[in-house]
C-alpha atoms as a PDB file:
ATOM      1  CA  MET A   1     -91.529-164.993  26.988  1.00  0.00           C
ATOM      2  CA  GLU A   2     -90.248-163.224  23.858  1.00  0.00           C
ATOM      3  CA  HIS A   3     -87.308-161.559  25.596  1.00  0.00           C
ATOM      4  CA  ARG A   4     -85.646-164.959  25.978  1.00  0.00           C
ATOM      5  CA  PHE A   5     -85.360-165.483  22.211  1.00  0.00           C
ATOM      6  CA  LYS A   6     -84.132-161.989  21.271  1.00  0.00           C
ATOM      7  CA  LYS A   7     -80.709-162.309  22.933  1.00  0.00           C
ATOM      8  CA  ARG A   8     -78.493-164.220  20.497  1.00  0.00           C
ATOM      9  CA  LYS A   9     -75.047-165.397  21.490  1.00  0.00           C
ATOM     10  CA  LYS A  10     -72.280-164.216  19.192  1.00  0.00           C
ATOM     11  CA  PRO A  11     -70.586-167.110  17.357  1.00  0.00           C
ATOM     12  CA  ASN A  12     -67.136-167.953  18.608  1.00  0.00           C
ATOM     13  CA  TYR A  13     -65.056-167.592  15.436  1.00  0.00           C
ATOM     14  CA  LYS A  14     -61.756-168.525  17.097  1.00  0.00           C
ATOM     15  CA  ARG A  15     -63.097-171.897  18.215  1.00  0.00           C
ATOM     16  CA  GLY A  16     -64.553-172.516  14.741  1.00  0.00           C
ATOM     17  CA  VAL A  17     -61.234-171.742  13.030  1.00  0.00           C
ATOM     18  CA  VAL A  18     -59.351-174.008  15.454  1.00  0.00           C
ATOM     19  CA  LEU A  19     -61.840-176.841  14.832  1.00  0.00           C
ATOM     20  CA  VAL A  20     -61.505-176.458  11.050  1.00  0.00           C
ATOM     21  CA  ILE A  21     -57.687-176.501  11.286  1.00  0.00           C
ATOM     22  CA  LEU A  22     -57.808-179.605  13.512  1.00  0.00           C
ATOM     23  CA  LEU A  23     -60.162-181.291  11.049  1.00  0.00           C
ATOM     24  CA  LEU A  24     -57.812-180.524   8.138  1.00  0.00           C
ATOM     25  CA  ILE A  25     -54.831-181.891  10.092  1.00  0.00           C
ATOM     26  CA  ILE A  26     -56.745-185.079  10.945  1.00  0.00           C
ATOM     27  CA  ILE A  27     -57.777-185.570   7.289  1.00  0.00           C
ATOM     28  CA  TYR A  28     -54.181-184.965   6.148  1.00  0.00           C
ATOM     29  CA  LEU A  29     -52.837-187.476   8.672  1.00  0.00           C
ATOM     30  CA  TRP A  30     -55.559-189.978   7.737  1.00  0.00           C
ATOM     31  CA  PHE A  31     -54.602-189.884   4.045  1.00  0.00           C
ATOM     32  CA  ASN A  32     -50.876-189.998   4.839  1.00  0.00           C
ATOM     33  CA  ALA A  33     -51.064-192.554   7.660  1.00  0.00           C
ATOM     34  CA  GLU A  34     -49.551-195.352   5.568  1.00  0.00           C
ATOM     35  CA  SER A  35     -46.457-193.369   4.614  1.00  0.00           C
ATOM     36  CA  ILE A  36     -46.061-192.077   8.189  1.00  0.00           C
ATOM     37  CA  ILE A  37     -46.275-195.626   9.603  1.00  0.00           C
ATOM     38  CA  ASN A  38     -43.809-196.889   7.006  1.00  0.00           C
ATOM     39  CA  ALA A  39     -41.412-194.069   7.895  1.00  0.00           C
ATOM     40  CA  PHE A  40     -41.541-195.045  11.586  1.00  0.00           C
ATOM     41  CA  PHE A  41     -40.941-198.740  10.913  1.00  0.00           C
ATOM     42  CA  SER A  42     -38.136-198.172   8.416  1.00  0.00           C
ATOM     43  CA  LEU A  43     -35.873-196.440  10.975  1.00  0.00           C
END
């Protein structure tokens, strides 16, 4: 039974970094959504 718990999966750092970057982009777009929308409609 104990052998099952000893093998730990290594964390996938690449996926974590990509998720953090995506989150930052989404937050940036969220806070700048009004200016982006205004830019599109003012063309």
